[in-house]
Amino acid sequence: MNNPTSSTLNSPSVTIEPTRVTVALGTGGTLSVTYAASTLGPTAQVIFDVTGYFTPDASGALFVPLTPARILDSRDHTGVWASSAPMWPRPSR
């Protein structure tokens, strides 16, 4: 996997930074996160909450809202995907 060329969240300090992102799923419905730090040691926690999805329609796309659901929380390894899609560090390329 190549490193992304854009960023959704940049945090200059140790803070909790929520963000809302609309992303297309990858091949086979996959999601991925890339975290980069300027020095060794810093870490990040990742939470995926799903609030809806888009379907094609006559105007382009229709948003279908869902009851918000946490599908992954790396802080305590919980969520719908936690048991079937463990997260592990991978070196950047």
N, C-alpha and C. Protein backbone atom coordinates (compact mmCIF):
# COMPACT_ATOMS: atom_id res chain seq x y z
N MET A 1 0.85 -1.17 0.00
CA MET A 1 0.00 0.00 0.00
C MET A 1 0.90 1.24 0.00
N ASN A 2 0.58 2.22 -0.82
CA ASN A 2 1.32 3.47 -0.87
C ASN A 2 0.77 4.45 0.15
N ASN A 3 1.63 5.35 0.61
CA ASN A 3 1.16 6.39 1.52
C ASN A 3 0.22 7.34 0.80
N PRO A 4 -0.80 7.85 1.50
CA PRO A 4 -1.73 8.78 0.86
C PRO A 4 -1.06 10.11 0.53
N THR A 5 -1.66 10.85 -0.38
CA THR A 5 -1.12 12.16 -0.79
C THR A 5 -1.89 13.32 -0.17
N SER A 6 -2.89 13.01 0.66
CA SER A 6 -3.65 14.06 1.33
C SER A 6 -3.93 13.63 2.76
N SER A 7 -4.42 14.58 3.56
CA SER A 7 -4.67 14.32 4.97
C SER A 7 -6.07 14.77 5.34
N THR A 8 -6.68 14.04 6.26
CA THR A 8 -7.99 14.42 6.78
C THR A 8 -7.87 15.14 8.10
N LEU A 9 -6.88 14.78 8.90
CA LEU A 9 -6.72 15.37 10.21
C LEU A 9 -5.24 15.56 10.50
N ASN A 10 -4.86 16.75 10.91
CA ASN A 10 -3.49 17.05 11.33
C ASN A 10 -3.57 17.65 12.73
N SER A 11 -2.91 17.01 13.68
CA SER A 11 -2.95 17.49 15.05
C SER A 11 -1.52 17.76 15.53
N PRO A 12 -1.19 19.02 15.80
CA PRO A 12 0.18 19.36 16.20
C PRO A 12 0.52 19.00 17.64
N SER A 13 -0.45 18.63 18.45
CA SER A 13 -0.17 18.32 19.85
C SER A 13 -0.94 17.07 20.26
N VAL A 14 -0.73 16.67 21.48
CA VAL A 14 -1.41 15.50 22.00
C VAL A 14 -2.83 15.92 22.39
N THR A 15 -3.76 15.70 21.49
CA THR A 15 -5.14 16.08 21.73
C THR A 15 -6.07 15.02 21.17
N ILE A 16 -7.31 15.08 21.59
CA ILE A 16 -8.34 14.24 21.00
C ILE A 16 -9.00 15.07 19.93
N GLU A 17 -8.97 14.59 18.71
CA GLU A 17 -9.47 15.35 17.57
C GLU A 17 -10.51 14.54 16.81
N PRO A 18 -11.80 14.77 17.07
CA PRO A 18 -12.80 14.08 16.27
C PRO A 18 -12.90 14.72 14.89
N THR A 19 -13.22 13.93 13.91
CA THR A 19 -13.43 14.45 12.57
C THR A 19 -14.46 13.59 11.87
N ARG A 20 -15.19 14.19 10.97
CA ARG A 20 -16.16 13.44 10.16
C ARG A 20 -15.62 13.37 8.76
N VAL A 21 -15.59 12.17 8.24
CA VAL A 21 -15.04 11.96 6.91
C VAL A 21 -15.98 11.09 6.11
N THR A 22 -16.21 11.46 4.87
CA THR A 22 -16.96 10.62 3.96
C THR A 22 -15.95 9.98 3.02
N VAL A 23 -15.88 8.66 3.04
CA VAL A 23 -14.89 7.95 2.23
C VAL A 23 -15.55 6.82 1.46
N ALA A 24 -14.98 6.53 0.32
CA ALA A 24 -15.40 5.35 -0.44
C ALA A 24 -14.68 4.14 0.14
N LEU A 25 -15.36 3.02 0.18
CA LEU A 25 -14.73 1.80 0.65
C LEU A 25 -13.78 1.27 -0.41
N GLY A 26 -12.76 0.58 0.04
CA GLY A 26 -11.80 -0.02 -0.88
C GLY A 26 -12.32 -1.33 -1.43
N THR A 27 -11.48 -2.01 -2.17
CA THR A 27 -11.83 -3.30 -2.75
C THR A 27 -12.31 -4.25 -1.66
N GLY A 28 -13.43 -4.89 -1.88
CA GLY A 28 -13.96 -5.82 -0.89
C GLY A 28 -14.55 -5.15 0.34
N GLY A 29 -14.80 -3.84 0.28
CA GLY A 29 -15.39 -3.13 1.40
C GLY A 29 -14.41 -2.80 2.51
N THR A 30 -13.13 -2.64 2.17
CA THR A 30 -12.11 -2.39 3.19
C THR A 30 -11.98 -0.91 3.53
N LEU A 31 -11.49 -0.65 4.73
CA LEU A 31 -11.14 0.68 5.20
C LEU A 31 -9.70 0.61 5.71
N SER A 32 -8.97 1.70 5.55
CA SER A 32 -7.62 1.73 6.11
C SER A 32 -7.31 3.12 6.62
N VAL A 33 -6.36 3.17 7.54
CA VAL A 33 -5.92 4.42 8.15
C VAL A 33 -4.40 4.45 8.08
N THR A 34 -3.85 5.62 7.75
CA THR A 34 -2.41 5.79 7.79
C THR A 34 -2.09 6.87 8.81
N TYR A 35 -1.18 6.57 9.71
CA TYR A 35 -0.75 7.51 10.73
C TYR A 35 0.75 7.71 10.55
N ALA A 36 1.18 8.96 10.47
CA ALA A 36 2.60 9.25 10.30
C ALA A 36 3.03 10.26 11.36
N ALA A 37 4.19 10.02 11.95
CA ALA A 37 4.75 10.93 12.95
C ALA A 37 6.17 11.29 12.54
N SER A 38 6.61 12.45 12.95
CA SER A 38 7.95 12.90 12.58
C SER A 38 9.05 12.23 13.39
N THR A 39 8.68 11.60 14.50
CA THR A 39 9.65 10.89 15.33
C THR A 39 9.08 9.53 15.72
N LEU A 40 9.95 8.63 16.16
CA LEU A 40 9.49 7.34 16.64
C LEU A 40 8.81 7.50 17.99
N GLY A 41 7.85 6.68 18.26
CA GLY A 41 7.21 6.68 19.57
C GLY A 41 5.76 7.11 19.59
N PRO A 42 5.38 8.22 18.93
CA PRO A 42 3.98 8.63 19.00
C PRO A 42 3.05 7.56 18.41
N THR A 43 1.87 7.48 18.97
CA THR A 43 0.87 6.54 18.48
C THR A 43 -0.45 7.27 18.27
N ALA A 44 -1.39 6.59 17.66
CA ALA A 44 -2.73 7.13 17.45
C ALA A 44 -3.75 6.04 17.72
N GLN A 45 -4.89 6.44 18.20
CA GLN A 45 -6.01 5.52 18.36
C GLN A 45 -7.00 5.82 17.26
N VAL A 46 -7.68 4.79 16.77
CA VAL A 46 -8.59 4.95 15.64
C VAL A 46 -9.97 4.44 16.03
N ILE A 47 -10.98 5.24 15.69
CA ILE A 47 -12.36 4.85 15.92
C ILE A 47 -13.12 5.04 14.61
N PHE A 48 -13.84 4.01 14.18
CA PHE A 48 -14.71 4.11 13.01
C PHE A 48 -16.15 4.02 13.49
N ASP A 49 -16.91 5.10 13.28
CA ASP A 49 -18.35 5.11 13.53
C ASP A 49 -19.03 5.28 12.18
N VAL A 50 -20.06 4.50 11.92
CA VAL A 50 -20.80 4.60 10.67
C VAL A 50 -22.13 5.27 10.96
N THR A 51 -22.45 6.29 10.14
CA THR A 51 -23.71 7.03 10.32
C THR A 51 -24.62 6.95 9.10
N GLY A 52 -24.14 6.32 8.02
CA GLY A 52 -24.96 6.20 6.83
C GLY A 52 -24.12 5.79 5.64
N TYR A 53 -24.75 5.75 4.48
CA TYR A 53 -24.07 5.38 3.24
C TYR A 53 -24.76 6.05 2.06
N PHE A 54 -24.10 6.05 0.91
CA PHE A 54 -24.64 6.63 -0.31
C PHE A 54 -25.02 5.54 -1.30
N THR A 55 -26.12 5.76 -2.01
CA THR A 55 -26.51 4.88 -3.11
C THR A 55 -26.74 5.74 -4.35
N PRO A 56 -26.49 5.20 -5.52
CA PRO A 56 -26.74 5.98 -6.74
C PRO A 56 -28.24 6.26 -6.90
N ASP A 57 -28.56 7.44 -7.41
CA ASP A 57 -29.93 7.75 -7.79
C ASP A 57 -29.92 8.72 -8.96
N ALA A 58 -31.08 9.19 -9.37
CA ALA A 58 -31.20 10.04 -10.56
C ALA A 58 -30.43 11.36 -10.41
N SER A 59 -30.26 11.85 -9.19
CA SER A 59 -29.56 13.11 -8.99
C SER A 59 -28.05 12.92 -8.77
N GLY A 60 -27.59 11.70 -8.70
CA GLY A 60 -26.17 11.41 -8.49
C GLY A 60 -25.97 10.44 -7.35
N ALA A 61 -26.38 10.84 -6.13
CA ALA A 61 -26.24 9.96 -4.97
C ALA A 61 -27.24 10.35 -3.91
N LEU A 62 -27.73 9.36 -3.21
CA LEU A 62 -28.69 9.56 -2.13
C LEU A 62 -28.05 9.09 -0.83
N PHE A 63 -28.05 9.95 0.20
CA PHE A 63 -27.52 9.56 1.50
C PHE A 63 -28.59 8.82 2.27
N VAL A 64 -28.26 7.65 2.77
CA VAL A 64 -29.17 6.84 3.58
C VAL A 64 -28.65 6.86 5.01
N PRO A 65 -29.30 7.58 5.91
CA PRO A 65 -28.81 7.64 7.29
C PRO A 65 -29.06 6.33 8.03
N LEU A 66 -28.16 6.02 8.95
CA LEU A 66 -28.29 4.84 9.81
C LEU A 66 -28.21 5.29 11.26
N THR A 67 -28.70 4.48 12.16
CA THR A 67 -28.43 4.72 13.57
C THR A 67 -26.93 4.60 13.75
N PRO A 68 -26.26 5.62 14.30
CA PRO A 68 -24.80 5.54 14.42
C PRO A 68 -24.35 4.25 15.11
N ALA A 69 -23.30 3.64 14.55
CA ALA A 69 -22.78 2.39 15.10
C ALA A 69 -21.26 2.43 15.09
N ARG A 70 -20.66 2.06 16.18
CA ARG A 70 -19.20 1.97 16.26
C ARG A 70 -18.78 0.61 15.70
N ILE A 71 -18.00 0.63 14.61
CA ILE A 71 -17.58 -0.63 14.02
C ILE A 71 -16.16 -1.01 14.40
N LEU A 72 -15.37 -0.04 14.89
CA LEU A 72 -14.02 -0.37 15.34
C LEU A 72 -13.53 0.70 16.31
N ASP A 73 -12.95 0.27 17.42
CA ASP A 73 -12.34 1.17 18.39
C ASP A 73 -11.01 0.54 18.80
N SER A 74 -9.91 1.11 18.34
CA SER A 74 -8.60 0.52 18.62
C SER A 74 -8.17 0.72 20.08
N ARG A 75 -8.84 1.60 20.81
CA ARG A 75 -8.47 1.83 22.21
C ARG A 75 -8.70 0.59 23.06
N ASP A 76 -9.83 -0.08 22.82
CA ASP A 76 -10.15 -1.26 23.63
C ASP A 76 -10.48 -2.48 22.76
N HIS A 77 -10.19 -2.39 21.48
CA HIS A 77 -10.39 -3.50 20.53
C HIS A 77 -11.83 -4.01 20.53
N THR A 78 -12.76 -3.05 20.48
CA THR A 78 -14.17 -3.41 20.43
C THR A 78 -14.78 -2.90 19.13
N GLY A 79 -16.02 -3.26 18.91
CA GLY A 79 -16.74 -2.86 17.72
C GLY A 79 -17.05 -4.07 16.86
N VAL A 80 -17.92 -3.88 15.90
CA VAL A 80 -18.37 -4.97 15.05
C VAL A 80 -17.20 -5.66 14.35
N TRP A 81 -16.23 -4.89 13.86
CA TRP A 81 -15.12 -5.47 13.10
C TRP A 81 -13.94 -5.88 13.97
N ALA A 82 -13.95 -5.57 15.25
CA ALA A 82 -12.77 -5.78 16.09
C ALA A 82 -12.28 -7.22 16.09
N SER A 83 -13.20 -8.18 16.11
CA SER A 83 -12.76 -9.57 16.16
C SER A 83 -12.40 -10.12 14.79
N SER A 84 -12.95 -9.54 13.73
CA SER A 84 -12.70 -10.09 12.40
C SER A 84 -11.66 -9.31 11.60
N ALA A 85 -11.30 -8.11 12.05
CA ALA A 85 -10.34 -7.29 11.30
C ALA A 85 -9.39 -6.61 12.26
N PRO A 86 -8.49 -7.37 12.87
CA PRO A 86 -7.56 -6.73 13.82
C PRO A 86 -6.67 -5.72 13.13
N MET A 87 -6.27 -4.71 13.88
CA MET A 87 -5.38 -3.68 13.35
C MET A 87 -3.97 -4.02 13.76
N TRP A 88 -3.03 -3.77 12.89
CA TRP A 88 -1.62 -3.99 13.22
C TRP A 88 -0.80 -2.95 12.51
N PRO A 89 0.35 -2.62 13.09
CA PRO A 89 1.20 -1.63 12.42
C PRO A 89 1.86 -2.21 11.19
N ARG A 90 1.96 -1.40 10.16
CA ARG A 90 2.65 -1.78 8.93
C ARG A 90 3.59 -0.65 8.56
N PRO A 91 4.78 -0.96 8.13
CA PRO A 91 5.69 0.11 7.73
C PRO A 91 5.18 0.85 6.50
N SER A 92 5.42 2.15 6.47
CA SER A 92 5.02 2.93 5.29
C SER A 92 5.93 2.62 4.12
N ARG A 93 5.43 2.89 2.94
CA ARG A 93 6.21 2.65 1.72
C ARG A 93 6.30 3.90 0.91
